[in-house]
Structure formats: C-alpha cells, structure tokens
Amino acid sequence: MFEKTIKETYYYKGRMINMKDVEVMLPDGKVSRREIVEHPGAVIIVAITDKKEIVLIKQYRKPVEEVIIEIPAGLVNKGEKLEEAAKRELKEETGYTAGKIKKALSSYTSPGYSTEMIHYFIATELEKGAQGFDEDENIDAFLLSLDEAKRQIKEGKIKDNKTIVGIMLADGQISP
C-alpha cells in the first residue's frame, strides 16, 4: 500500500508553494512518478453572527478568472498557531473579531497531488471593525443568511468547496 521515495527533484520554490517531482517505488516493485505541490496549510473561518448570518467575502480569483464567493481563509505563517492565524485572517479579510473561536475539523484539499491541509474554525460573538487585508488583495465582505447561502450553493452561485463545507458546518450538516 505504501510507496517508497527514490528521488525528489524540486522544479519550483515560491513564496506560497513548492512543486516537486518524486520518483517512487510501488508496492509491486515498479517505479512511477508523482508531481507534488507542497503547501503550508490554511485556516478557514466560518464566522456566524448573532443573527445566524454567515460572513462571506467576494474576491477575484485569477486561476478561474471569476469573482468567487468564499468564507474567510488564509495561509498559516511559519511558526504561527492555527487559532491565531484564524483570528488574524478573519480580521484582515472582513474586519470582524471573534469573542469565541473553536477548531471544528481539518481536511486535505487534494491529497492526490498536494500536501495542503485546511483547518476549519467556527467564530462567534463577532464584532465589526475595519478590514486590513494585504495590499495585493481586493476583498468585499458581506453577510448572508444561512438559508440564502444554501440557496446560492444550489443555484451554483457559491461554488468554492471550502465555503460549501463551511456552510454545511454552520448548518449542522457536519458535526465538529
């Protein structure tokens, strides 16, 4: 079931990801190759207001050439605790701070080619402040009722996977 690494060759090292080609020996002794994206991981914040609205953002995503509706999320900085990253990203992207924040679950995004693990947090007791996103980000924060968010998933308006999972968490369809 396991694959033994024979050789790794990095062909890209960037500020967010690294990419490598890995030669592996399969359990049957055959040799194969794997292309792997190394990713530091990310936090996903399911922020829910006292009125049971979900804090969402809209931003243009170049890889898909669309404005995408998402829940707040971001990279974990080297040495940063997950909860601190979640609080930081929520504040930066939306202006909200959370009185309570609790880790709900973790999952791989695409384990067939990426090491990225995402960590979902539920944020409540929210207070609105000013956004402070990175200079290369252009983000609009807004609120949607849970019912409206679910409707937009069904209509194909919300199509980001982490956001769909986050809305299911908020709706109780997945228990943390």
Protein backbone atom coordinates (compact mmCIF):
# COMPACT_ATOMS: atom_id res chain seq x y z
CA MET A 1 0.00 0.00 0.00
CA PHE A 2 2.90 2.39 0.66
CA GLU A 3 5.26 3.98 -1.85
CA LYS A 4 8.97 4.37 -1.16
CA THR A 5 10.57 7.62 -2.29
CA ILE A 6 13.57 7.05 -4.53
CA LYS A 7 14.36 10.61 -5.60
CA GLU A 8 12.88 14.11 -5.20
CA THR A 9 13.56 16.99 -7.58
CA TYR A 10 12.21 20.46 -6.87
CA TYR A 11 11.36 22.38 -10.01
CA TYR A 12 9.70 25.38 -8.37
CA LYS A 13 10.08 27.07 -4.99
CA GLY A 14 7.78 30.01 -4.43
CA ARG A 15 6.56 32.23 -1.61
CA MET A 16 3.39 30.15 -1.12
CA ILE A 17 4.06 26.75 -2.66
CA ASN A 18 6.83 24.44 -3.80
CA MET A 19 6.48 21.89 -6.58
CA LYS A 20 8.47 18.72 -6.90
CA ASP A 21 8.76 15.60 -8.99
CA VAL A 22 9.06 12.44 -6.90
CA GLU A 23 10.22 9.10 -8.21
CA VAL A 24 8.64 6.30 -6.17
CA MET A 25 8.79 2.55 -5.90
CA LEU A 26 5.35 0.99 -5.82
CA PRO A 27 4.50 -1.98 -3.58
CA ASP A 28 4.84 -4.32 -6.56
CA GLY A 29 8.39 -3.08 -7.24
CA LYS A 30 7.53 -0.94 -10.28
CA VAL A 31 8.79 2.65 -10.46
CA SER A 32 6.47 5.60 -11.02
CA ARG A 33 6.44 9.39 -10.68
CA ARG A 34 4.37 11.78 -8.60
CA GLU A 35 4.06 15.55 -9.07
CA ILE A 36 3.52 17.11 -5.66
CA VAL A 37 2.60 20.62 -4.56
CA GLU A 38 3.88 21.44 -1.08
CA HIS A 39 1.61 23.90 0.71
CA PRO A 40 1.97 25.30 4.25
CA GLY A 41 -1.70 24.82 5.10
CA ALA A 42 -4.54 27.23 5.63
CA VAL A 43 -7.22 28.23 8.09
CA ILE A 44 -10.87 28.55 7.12
CA ILE A 45 -13.12 30.70 9.30
CA VAL A 46 -16.86 30.02 9.48
CA ALA A 47 -17.93 33.28 11.11
CA ILE A 48 -21.55 33.36 12.31
CA THR A 49 -23.27 36.49 13.62
CA ASP A 50 -25.77 36.56 16.49
CA LYS A 51 -28.50 36.80 13.80
CA LYS A 52 -27.26 33.50 12.30
CA GLU A 53 -25.77 35.19 9.25
CA ILE A 54 -22.54 33.93 7.71
CA VAL A 55 -19.69 36.33 7.00
CA LEU A 56 -18.62 35.86 3.38
CA ILE A 57 -16.21 37.58 1.04
CA LYS A 58 -16.09 38.19 -2.70
CA GLN A 59 -12.79 38.31 -4.49
CA TYR A 60 -11.45 37.81 -7.98
CA ARG A 61 -9.54 34.55 -8.37
CA LYS A 62 -7.15 34.61 -11.32
CA PRO A 63 -6.82 30.80 -11.73
CA VAL A 64 -10.54 30.51 -12.52
CA GLU A 65 -10.97 34.04 -13.96
CA GLU A 66 -14.03 34.73 -11.77
CA VAL A 67 -15.21 36.66 -8.77
CA ILE A 68 -15.77 33.92 -6.20
CA ILE A 69 -17.90 33.95 -3.04
CA GLU A 70 -15.91 32.42 -0.19
CA ILE A 71 -15.68 32.22 3.56
CA PRO A 72 -12.63 34.00 5.01
CA ALA A 73 -9.46 31.94 4.78
CA GLY A 74 -5.73 32.29 4.55
CA LEU A 75 -2.29 30.82 4.91
CA VAL A 76 -0.73 29.89 8.21
CA ASN A 77 2.51 31.81 8.69
CA LYS A 78 5.61 29.87 9.70
CA GLY A 79 5.56 29.34 13.48
CA GLU A 80 2.01 30.72 13.81
CA LYS A 81 -0.58 28.84 15.86
CA LEU A 82 -3.66 27.83 13.90
CA GLU A 83 -6.10 29.72 16.13
CA GLU A 84 -4.00 32.89 15.87
CA ALA A 85 -3.92 32.55 12.08
CA ALA A 86 -7.72 32.16 12.05
CA LYS A 87 -8.21 35.29 14.16
CA ARG A 88 -5.75 37.25 12.01
CA GLU A 89 -7.32 36.22 8.71
CA LEU A 90 -10.86 36.94 9.92
CA LYS A 91 -9.84 40.47 10.98
CA GLU A 92 -7.76 41.16 7.85
CA GLU A 93 -10.34 40.00 5.34
CA THR A 94 -13.59 41.07 6.99
CA GLY A 95 -12.85 43.48 9.84
CA TYR A 96 -14.59 41.15 12.30
CA THR A 97 -13.09 39.93 15.56
CA ALA A 98 -14.46 36.87 17.31
CA GLY A 99 -15.28 36.66 21.01
CA LYS A 100 -15.21 32.86 20.62
CA ILE A 101 -13.31 30.78 18.10
CA LYS A 102 -13.15 26.99 18.11
CA LYS A 103 -11.48 24.49 15.79
CA ALA A 104 -14.06 22.29 14.09
CA LEU A 105 -12.19 19.95 11.73
CA SER A 106 -9.23 19.54 9.38
CA SER A 107 -9.07 18.05 5.90
CA TYR A 108 -6.79 17.66 2.90
CA THR A 109 -7.86 19.66 -0.14
CA SER A 110 -6.43 17.45 -2.90
CA PRO A 111 -4.32 14.61 -1.46
CA GLY A 112 -3.64 13.19 -4.91
CA TYR A 113 -1.14 15.96 -5.62
CA SER A 114 -1.00 18.44 -2.72
CA THR A 115 0.10 18.42 0.92
CA GLU A 116 -2.33 21.25 1.78
CA MET A 117 -4.28 20.65 4.98
CA ILE A 118 -7.05 23.12 5.78
CA HIS A 119 -8.30 23.75 9.31
CA TYR A 120 -11.88 24.93 9.86
CA PHE A 121 -12.74 27.23 12.76
CA ILE A 122 -16.17 28.36 13.96
CA ALA A 123 -16.13 32.01 15.03
CA THR A 124 -18.98 33.55 17.05
CA GLU A 125 -19.64 36.62 19.23
CA LEU A 126 -18.47 38.80 16.37
CA GLU A 127 -17.64 42.49 16.50
CA LYS A 128 -17.26 44.54 13.32
CA GLY A 129 -14.20 46.70 12.77
CA ALA A 130 -12.09 47.84 9.82
CA GLN A 131 -10.65 45.46 7.26
CA GLY A 132 -6.87 45.26 6.92
CA PHE A 133 -6.21 42.91 4.02
CA ASP A 134 -2.90 42.53 2.22
CA GLU A 135 -2.07 45.19 -0.37
CA ASP A 136 -2.48 42.73 -3.27
CA GLU A 137 -5.96 41.67 -2.12
CA ASN A 138 -9.24 43.29 -3.15
CA ILE A 139 -11.94 41.84 -0.93
CA ASP A 140 -15.58 42.75 -0.30
CA ALA A 141 -17.05 41.35 2.92
CA PHE A 142 -20.80 40.83 3.31
CA LEU A 143 -23.38 38.84 5.29
CA LEU A 144 -25.82 36.20 4.09
CA SER A 145 -28.47 34.30 5.99
CA LEU A 146 -27.78 30.59 6.22
CA ASP A 147 -30.86 29.84 4.10
CA GLU A 148 -29.73 32.27 1.39
CA ALA A 149 -26.21 30.80 1.42
CA LYS A 150 -27.63 27.29 0.95
CA ARG A 151 -29.85 28.56 -1.88
CA GLN A 152 -26.84 30.12 -3.59
CA ILE A 153 -24.98 26.80 -3.36
CA LYS A 154 -27.89 25.03 -5.09
CA GLU A 155 -28.04 27.75 -7.77
CA GLY A 156 -24.31 27.46 -8.45
CA LYS A 157 -23.51 30.96 -7.23
CA ILE A 158 -21.36 29.61 -4.39
CA LYS A 159 -19.02 27.03 -5.89
CA ASP A 160 -15.93 27.16 -3.70
CA ASN A 161 -15.54 23.79 -1.97
CA LYS A 162 -14.22 25.07 1.37
CA THR A 163 -17.12 27.53 1.51
CA ILE A 164 -19.68 24.81 0.81
CA VAL A 165 -18.19 22.67 3.61
CA GLY A 166 -18.15 25.72 5.92
CA ILE A 167 -21.82 26.44 5.25
CA MET A 168 -22.64 22.78 5.93
CA LEU A 169 -20.77 23.11 9.25
CA ALA A 170 -22.74 26.26 10.11
CA ASP A 171 -25.98 24.47 9.21
CA GLY A 172 -25.18 21.48 11.42
CA GLN A 173 -24.98 19.06 8.47
CA ILE A 174 -21.44 18.22 9.60
CA SER A 175 -20.74 17.95 13.31
CA PRO A 176 -17.43 19.38 14.51
